[in-house]
Amino acid sequence: MNNILIISGHPDLNASIANATILEELAAALPEAEIRRLDGLYADSKIDIKSEQESLLKADVIVWQFPFSWYSLPGLMKLWLDEVFIHGFAHGSTAKLGGKKLILSFTTGAPDALYAPEGLFGHRVEDYLLPLETTARLCHLELLEPVYTCGISYVGRDHQKIMQQKTLARQHALRLVAVINSLSSDMQAAS
């Protein structure tokens, strides 16, 4: 099995339904994976750069798990990226992350229909990923197809809505686990 690192960028997993459920499912399905909850590690926003870089160096597969926040990464995860993915480590002539696989795994509050050229936002979800694609390219990371689920909103969280979000989150986790497991199979077949 590949060394799997999951970076949880949710700003408050204790208030999350979908992202928390996804992480619970990933922990159960991939017990060997390292899951780093940025909200728990860095509530004070003081990132331990060395520790984060060490975890990244050990990983073959890196998963960024987060809720789409204003069409990008949540603030704490963006801070983590700014401070950890520095020149000489993540990019540049002495970069150390090249060849690792990166999977963007995220939820959106808005439903699919709004993420279309004719929808309210006027763009597909994938259109908003260009900065992250560029980051992966700069760092020589192999960016895989994103795994995402739309329509995970905080609005109207009655029991039925919570159960629906948990179901969607479990389905999301199953898709993500399948991608990760296929990477292991591919690597075993190649060796």
Protein backbone atom coordinates (compact mmCIF):
# COMPACT_ATOMS: atom_id res chain seq x y z
CA MET A 1 0.00 0.00 0.00
CA ASN A 2 1.11 3.53 -0.71
CA ASN A 3 1.90 5.91 2.14
CA ILE A 4 -1.24 8.00 2.30
CA LEU A 5 -1.43 11.45 3.86
CA ILE A 6 -4.80 13.14 4.27
CA ILE A 7 -4.76 16.83 5.07
CA SER A 8 -8.07 17.98 6.50
CA GLY A 9 -8.55 21.67 5.84
CA HIS A 10 -11.98 22.11 7.38
CA PRO A 11 -11.79 25.12 9.73
CA ASP A 12 -13.94 23.41 12.40
CA LEU A 13 -14.56 19.69 12.01
CA ASN A 14 -16.60 19.67 15.21
CA ALA A 15 -19.24 21.69 13.37
CA SER A 16 -19.00 19.59 10.21
CA ILE A 17 -21.25 16.80 9.08
CA ALA A 18 -19.99 15.89 5.61
CA ASN A 19 -16.25 16.46 5.97
CA ALA A 20 -16.22 14.83 9.41
CA THR A 21 -18.11 11.82 8.02
CA ILE A 22 -15.75 11.57 5.04
CA LEU A 23 -12.75 11.54 7.38
CA GLU A 24 -14.35 8.95 9.67
CA GLU A 25 -14.98 6.70 6.66
CA LEU A 26 -11.44 7.20 5.37
CA ALA A 27 -9.96 6.37 8.78
CA ALA A 28 -11.98 3.13 8.90
CA ALA A 29 -11.21 2.10 5.29
CA LEU A 30 -7.56 3.21 5.30
CA PRO A 31 -6.28 2.68 8.85
CA GLU A 32 -2.68 3.02 7.66
CA ALA A 33 -3.30 6.55 6.34
CA GLU A 34 -2.05 9.54 8.31
CA ILE A 35 -4.84 12.07 8.81
CA ARG A 36 -3.77 15.56 9.84
CA ARG A 37 -6.63 17.78 11.06
CA LEU A 38 -5.39 21.31 10.60
CA ASP A 39 -8.19 22.71 12.78
CA GLY A 40 -7.08 20.57 15.72
CA LEU A 41 -3.36 21.01 15.19
CA TYR A 42 -3.37 24.72 14.46
CA ALA A 43 -6.34 26.41 16.09
CA ASP A 44 -3.87 29.22 16.83
CA SER A 45 -2.86 29.37 13.12
CA LYS A 46 0.78 28.70 14.03
CA ILE A 47 1.75 26.00 11.53
CA ASP A 48 4.54 23.59 12.50
CA ILE A 49 6.22 23.77 9.12
CA LYS A 50 8.87 21.12 9.81
CA SER A 51 6.30 18.58 11.03
CA GLU A 52 4.05 19.20 8.04
CA GLN A 53 6.94 18.90 5.59
CA GLU A 54 8.08 15.64 7.21
CA SER A 55 4.61 14.17 6.76
CA LEU A 56 4.54 15.25 3.12
CA LEU A 57 7.95 13.71 2.46
CA LYS A 58 6.79 10.30 3.75
CA ALA A 59 3.66 10.31 1.57
CA ASP A 60 3.22 8.74 -1.84
CA VAL A 61 -0.39 9.91 -2.09
CA ILE A 62 -1.54 13.24 -0.67
CA VAL A 63 -5.24 14.00 -0.27
CA TRP A 64 -6.46 17.50 0.44
CA GLN A 65 -9.88 17.12 2.08
CA PHE A 66 -11.78 20.37 2.48
CA PRO A 67 -15.04 22.27 2.06
CA PHE A 68 -14.97 24.62 -0.92
CA SER A 69 -14.75 28.08 0.64
CA TRP A 70 -15.42 31.00 -1.65
CA TYR A 71 -14.46 28.76 -4.61
CA SER A 72 -11.10 27.76 -3.14
CA LEU A 73 -9.37 26.43 -0.04
CA PRO A 74 -10.57 27.45 3.44
CA GLY A 75 -8.40 30.09 5.13
CA LEU A 76 -6.47 27.77 7.47
CA MET A 77 -5.67 25.39 4.62
CA LYS A 78 -4.53 28.29 2.44
CA LEU A 79 -2.26 29.45 5.28
CA TRP A 80 -0.91 25.89 5.55
CA LEU A 81 -0.19 25.87 1.82
CA ASP A 82 1.49 29.30 1.97
CA GLU A 83 3.75 28.35 4.85
CA VAL A 84 4.53 24.70 4.06
CA PHE A 85 4.86 24.72 0.26
CA ILE A 86 7.83 27.06 0.23
CA HIS A 87 10.54 27.45 -2.40
CA GLY A 88 13.26 24.86 -1.98
CA PHE A 89 10.86 22.36 -0.44
CA ALA A 90 7.79 22.24 -2.65
CA HIS A 91 9.18 23.90 -5.76
CA GLY A 92 12.41 25.19 -7.19
CA SER A 93 15.67 23.42 -8.00
CA THR A 94 15.76 21.58 -4.65
CA ALA A 95 12.05 20.67 -4.58
CA LYS A 96 11.24 17.44 -2.77
CA LEU A 97 7.62 16.65 -3.64
CA GLY A 98 7.95 15.74 -7.32
CA GLY A 99 6.24 12.55 -8.41
CA LYS A 100 3.84 12.32 -5.47
CA LYS A 101 0.16 11.99 -6.31
CA LEU A 102 -2.28 14.68 -5.20
CA ILE A 103 -6.04 14.23 -4.92
CA LEU A 104 -8.33 17.19 -4.29
CA SER A 105 -11.31 15.91 -2.31
CA PHE A 106 -13.90 18.49 -1.38
CA THR A 107 -17.51 19.37 -0.77
CA THR A 108 -19.45 22.39 -1.96
CA GLY A 109 -22.41 24.02 -0.32
CA ALA A 110 -24.09 24.89 -3.60
CA PRO A 111 -25.76 22.21 -5.73
CA ASP A 112 -24.39 20.99 -9.07
CA ALA A 113 -26.83 23.07 -11.11
CA LEU A 114 -25.24 26.34 -9.97
CA TYR A 115 -21.82 25.15 -11.21
CA ALA A 116 -22.56 25.29 -14.92
CA PRO A 117 -22.02 27.90 -17.64
CA GLU A 118 -25.77 28.55 -17.58
CA GLY A 119 -25.97 28.34 -13.76
CA LEU A 120 -25.79 31.19 -11.28
CA PHE A 121 -21.98 30.97 -10.97
CA GLY A 122 -21.39 30.75 -14.72
CA HIS A 123 -18.56 28.24 -14.34
CA ARG A 124 -18.08 24.51 -13.78
CA VAL A 125 -16.53 23.40 -10.48
CA GLU A 126 -13.39 22.33 -12.36
CA ASP A 127 -12.92 25.89 -13.64
CA TYR A 128 -12.27 27.06 -10.08
CA LEU A 129 -9.46 24.52 -9.62
CA LEU A 130 -7.01 26.25 -11.98
CA PRO A 131 -4.89 27.80 -9.16
CA LEU A 132 -4.61 24.39 -7.47
CA GLU A 133 -3.74 22.73 -10.79
CA THR A 134 -1.01 25.33 -11.27
CA THR A 135 0.28 24.68 -7.75
CA ALA A 136 0.49 20.94 -8.48
CA ARG A 137 2.30 21.60 -11.76
CA LEU A 138 4.80 23.97 -10.11
CA CYS A 139 5.51 21.36 -7.41
CA HIS A 140 5.72 18.48 -9.94
CA LEU A 141 2.85 16.71 -8.18
CA GLU A 142 0.75 14.35 -10.26
CA LEU A 143 -2.72 15.85 -9.88
CA LEU A 144 -5.43 13.22 -10.20
CA GLU A 145 -9.08 13.79 -11.04
CA PRO A 146 -10.80 15.60 -8.16
CA VAL A 147 -13.35 13.81 -6.02
CA TYR A 148 -16.10 16.17 -4.97
CA THR A 149 -19.69 16.31 -3.84
CA CYS A 150 -21.95 19.31 -4.35
CA GLY A 151 -24.95 20.41 -2.32
CA ILE A 152 -23.52 19.96 1.18
CA SER A 153 -25.02 23.07 2.73
CA TYR A 154 -25.20 24.28 6.31
CA VAL A 155 -28.68 25.65 5.62
CA GLY A 156 -31.63 23.79 7.09
CA ARG A 157 -29.88 21.09 9.06
CA ASP A 158 -32.88 19.15 10.29
CA HIS A 159 -32.58 15.40 10.94
CA GLN A 160 -33.48 14.46 7.38
CA LYS A 161 -30.93 16.90 5.92
CA ILE A 162 -28.22 15.62 8.27
CA MET A 163 -28.91 12.02 7.26
CA GLN A 164 -28.82 13.01 3.58
CA GLN A 165 -25.47 14.75 4.06
CA LYS A 166 -24.04 11.72 5.85
CA THR A 167 -25.18 9.47 3.01
CA LEU A 168 -23.60 11.76 0.42
CA ALA A 169 -20.42 11.92 2.50
CA ARG A 170 -20.21 8.13 2.77
CA GLN A 171 -20.64 7.83 -1.00
CA HIS A 172 -17.93 10.46 -1.46
CA ALA A 173 -15.57 8.53 0.83
CA LEU A 174 -16.23 5.30 -1.09
CA ARG A 175 -15.29 7.00 -4.37
CA LEU A 176 -12.14 8.44 -2.82
CA VAL A 177 -11.11 5.10 -1.28
CA ALA A 178 -11.63 3.42 -4.67
CA VAL A 179 -9.27 5.94 -6.31
CA ILE A 180 -6.65 5.43 -3.60
CA ASN A 181 -6.95 1.64 -3.77
CA SER A 182 -6.60 1.71 -7.55
CA LEU A 183 -3.33 3.60 -7.13
CA SER A 184 -2.02 0.81 -4.92
CA SER A 185 -3.08 -1.79 -7.48
CA ASP A 186 -1.41 0.16 -10.27
CA MET A 187 1.84 0.47 -8.30
CA GLN A 188 1.84 -3.26 -7.43
CA ALA A 189 1.24 -4.20 -11.08
CA ALA A 190 4.10 -1.94 -12.20
CA SER A 191 6.61 -3.54 -9.80
